Amino acid sequence: MKKLSAAVLALSVATIGIPVLAHGKTQEATQQDDNKAPLKDIKGTVKSTNDKVTFVADEGGRAWDVVNPETLKDHVGHHVVVNAHVYSDKGQIHIMSVTML
């Protein structure tokens, strides 16, 4: 009985630890990508089409896909300035902060 209890305990600890480790690697990879991408302030308007949030820059009118759209969900239709990591090659931005204009 003790062996069974020990096995169940070991299995439950191992099962819980695996997703935590995988999640940590994902966050670390995102942070490494952010460190490579330049951080810029961009003025523009937050748009939403079919539940997809995009950011349209004032300068040049470029529409950016937002890596973390939850940061802009309360600003749809607003003119804002975002501080974001810019991935020009992917057409994406990762929002760090949002300020209403």
C-alpha atoms as a PDB file:
ATOM      1  CA  MET A   1       0.000   0.000   0.000  1.00  0.00           C
ATOM      2  CA  LYS A   2       2.879   2.350   0.832  1.00  0.00           C
ATOM      3  CA  LYS A   3       4.468   1.642  -2.547  1.00  0.00           C
ATOM      4  CA  LEU A   4       1.208   2.459  -4.310  1.00  0.00           C
ATOM      5  CA  SER A   5       0.834   5.730  -2.378  1.00  0.00           C
ATOM      6  CA  ALA A   6       4.411   6.701  -3.161  1.00  0.00           C
ATOM      7  CA  ALA A   7       3.912   5.903  -6.854  1.00  0.00           C
ATOM      8  CA  VAL A   8       0.701   7.963  -7.036  1.00  0.00           C
ATOM      9  CA  LEU A   9       2.402  10.882  -5.285  1.00  0.00           C
ATOM     10  CA  ALA A  10       5.423  10.736  -7.599  1.00  0.00           C
ATOM     11  CA  LEU A  11       3.216  10.573 -10.684  1.00  0.00           C
ATOM     12  CA  SER A  12       1.076  13.511  -9.594  1.00  0.00           C
ATOM     13  CA  VAL A  13       4.151  15.671  -8.875  1.00  0.00           C
ATOM     14  CA  ALA A  14       5.662  14.763 -12.245  1.00  0.00           C
ATOM     15  CA  THR A  15       2.405  15.489 -14.091  1.00  0.00           C
ATOM     16  CA  ILE A  16       1.987  18.883 -12.445  1.00  0.00           C
ATOM     17  CA  GLY A  17       5.599  19.885 -13.075  1.00  0.00           C
ATOM     18  CA  ILE A  18       5.632  19.214 -16.826  1.00  0.00           C
ATOM     19  CA  PRO A  19       3.144  21.928 -17.908  1.00  0.00           C
ATOM     20  CA  VAL A  20       4.813  24.439 -15.603  1.00  0.00           C
ATOM     21  CA  LEU A  21       8.185  23.806 -17.216  1.00  0.00           C
ATOM     22  CA  ALA A  22       6.732  24.007 -20.717  1.00  0.00           C
ATOM     23  CA  HIS A  23       4.988  27.286 -19.906  1.00  0.00           C
ATOM     24  CA  GLY A  24       8.211  28.719 -18.503  1.00  0.00           C
ATOM     25  CA  LYS A  25      10.060  27.961 -21.728  1.00  0.00           C
ATOM     26  CA  THR A  26       7.363  29.707 -23.751  1.00  0.00           C
ATOM     27  CA  GLN A  27       7.629  32.851 -21.624  1.00  0.00           C
ATOM     28  CA  GLU A  28      11.413  32.739 -21.830  1.00  0.00           C
ATOM     29  CA  ALA A  29      11.313  32.402 -25.619  1.00  0.00           C
ATOM     30  CA  THR A  30       8.928  35.366 -25.856  1.00  0.00           C
ATOM     31  CA  GLN A  31      11.196  37.447 -23.635  1.00  0.00           C
ATOM     32  CA  GLN A  32      14.221  36.579 -25.771  1.00  0.00           C
ATOM     33  CA  ASP A  33      12.319  37.601 -28.912  1.00  0.00           C
ATOM     34  CA  ASP A  34      11.319  40.879 -27.247  1.00  0.00           C
ATOM     35  CA  ASN A  35      14.947  41.576 -26.380  1.00  0.00           C
ATOM     36  CA  LYS A  36      15.830  41.310 -30.084  1.00  0.00           C
ATOM     37  CA  ALA A  37      12.938  43.480 -31.350  1.00  0.00           C
ATOM     38  CA  PRO A  38      13.253  47.262 -31.005  1.00  0.00           C
ATOM     39  CA  LEU A  39      10.983  48.995 -28.494  1.00  0.00           C
ATOM     40  CA  LYS A  40       9.154  51.970 -30.036  1.00  0.00           C
ATOM     41  CA  ASP A  41       6.372  54.432 -29.284  1.00  0.00           C
ATOM     42  CA  ILE A  42       3.771  54.428 -32.069  1.00  0.00           C
ATOM     43  CA  LYS A  43       0.669  56.616 -32.361  1.00  0.00           C
ATOM     44  CA  GLY A  44      -2.384  55.130 -33.988  1.00  0.00           C
ATOM     45  CA  THR A  45      -5.886  53.714 -33.729  1.00  0.00           C
ATOM     46  CA  VAL A  46      -7.037  50.377 -32.350  1.00  0.00           C
ATOM     47  CA  LYS A  47      -9.347  48.487 -34.736  1.00  0.00           C
ATOM     48  CA  SER A  48     -11.335  45.283 -34.350  1.00  0.00           C
ATOM     49  CA  THR A  49     -12.717  43.209 -37.209  1.00  0.00           C
ATOM     50  CA  ASN A  50     -14.374  39.846 -36.550  1.00  0.00           C
ATOM     51  CA  ASP A  51     -12.875  39.790 -33.032  1.00  0.00           C
ATOM     52  CA  LYS A  52      -9.340  40.324 -34.404  1.00  0.00           C
ATOM     53  CA  VAL A  53      -7.638  43.352 -32.859  1.00  0.00           C
ATOM     54  CA  THR A  54      -5.188  45.301 -35.019  1.00  0.00           C
ATOM     55  CA  PHE A  55      -3.322  48.543 -34.554  1.00  0.00           C
ATOM     56  CA  VAL A  56      -3.217  51.061 -37.417  1.00  0.00           C
ATOM     57  CA  ALA A  57      -0.300  53.476 -37.161  1.00  0.00           C
ATOM     58  CA  ASP A  58      -0.842  57.162 -37.922  1.00  0.00           C
ATOM     59  CA  GLU A  59       2.450  57.384 -39.759  1.00  0.00           C
ATOM     60  CA  GLY A  60       2.166  55.464 -43.018  1.00  0.00           C
ATOM     61  CA  GLY A  61      -1.194  53.859 -42.134  1.00  0.00           C
ATOM     62  CA  ARG A  62       0.381  50.456 -41.595  1.00  0.00           C
ATOM     63  CA  ALA A  63      -1.856  47.879 -39.889  1.00  0.00           C
ATOM     64  CA  TRP A  64      -0.041  45.729 -37.316  1.00  0.00           C
ATOM     65  CA  ASP A  65      -1.128  42.363 -35.935  1.00  0.00           C
ATOM     66  CA  VAL A  66      -1.028  42.476 -32.139  1.00  0.00           C
ATOM     67  CA  VAL A  67       0.742  39.590 -30.391  1.00  0.00           C
ATOM     68  CA  ASN A  68      -1.106  40.280 -27.121  1.00  0.00           C
ATOM     69  CA  PRO A  69      -4.482  41.744 -28.198  1.00  0.00           C
ATOM     70  CA  GLU A  70      -5.945  41.575 -24.672  1.00  0.00           C
ATOM     71  CA  THR A  71      -3.907  44.710 -23.851  1.00  0.00           C
ATOM     72  CA  LEU A  72      -5.921  46.705 -26.391  1.00  0.00           C
ATOM     73  CA  LYS A  73      -9.417  45.226 -25.957  1.00  0.00           C
ATOM     74  CA  ASP A  74     -10.613  48.226 -23.896  1.00  0.00           C
ATOM     75  CA  HIS A  75      -9.260  50.707 -26.464  1.00  0.00           C
ATOM     76  CA  VAL A  76     -11.017  49.608 -29.676  1.00  0.00           C
ATOM     77  CA  GLY A  77     -11.785  52.730 -31.724  1.00  0.00           C
ATOM     78  CA  HIS A  78      -9.509  54.911 -29.580  1.00  0.00           C
ATOM     79  CA  HIS A  79      -6.551  56.997 -30.680  1.00  0.00           C
ATOM     80  CA  VAL A  80      -3.613  55.878 -28.521  1.00  0.00           C
ATOM     81  CA  VAL A  81       0.139  55.711 -28.299  1.00  0.00           C
ATOM     82  CA  VAL A  82       1.584  52.278 -27.680  1.00  0.00           C
ATOM     83  CA  ASN A  83       5.012  51.334 -26.434  1.00  0.00           C
ATOM     84  CA  ALA A  84       5.714  48.072 -28.235  1.00  0.00           C
ATOM     85  CA  HIS A  85       8.332  45.673 -29.479  1.00  0.00           C
ATOM     86  CA  VAL A  86       8.163  45.864 -33.278  1.00  0.00           C
ATOM     87  CA  TYR A  87       8.603  42.787 -35.476  1.00  0.00           C
ATOM     88  CA  SER A  88       8.677  44.429 -38.910  1.00  0.00           C
ATOM     89  CA  ASP A  89       9.453  41.173 -40.715  1.00  0.00           C
ATOM     90  CA  LYS A  90       6.324  39.541 -39.253  1.00  0.00           C
ATOM     91  CA  GLY A  91       4.068  42.614 -39.332  1.00  0.00           C
ATOM     92  CA  GLN A  92       3.500  42.224 -35.572  1.00  0.00           C
ATOM     93  CA  ILE A  93       3.842  44.281 -32.432  1.00  0.00           C
ATOM     94  CA  HIS A  94       3.971  43.164 -28.785  1.00  0.00           C
ATOM     95  CA  ILE A  95       2.355  45.874 -26.659  1.00  0.00           C
ATOM     96  CA  MET A  96       4.140  46.812 -23.444  1.00  0.00           C
ATOM     97  CA  SER A  97       1.943  49.824 -22.520  1.00  0.00           C
ATOM     98  CA  VAL A  98      -0.963  51.857 -23.889  1.00  0.00           C
ATOM     99  CA  THR A  99      -1.708  55.552 -23.297  1.00  0.00           C
ATOM    100  CA  MET A 100      -4.850  57.356 -24.447  1.00  0.00           C
ATOM    101  CA  LEU A 101      -4.286  60.503 -26.493  1.00  0.00           C
END
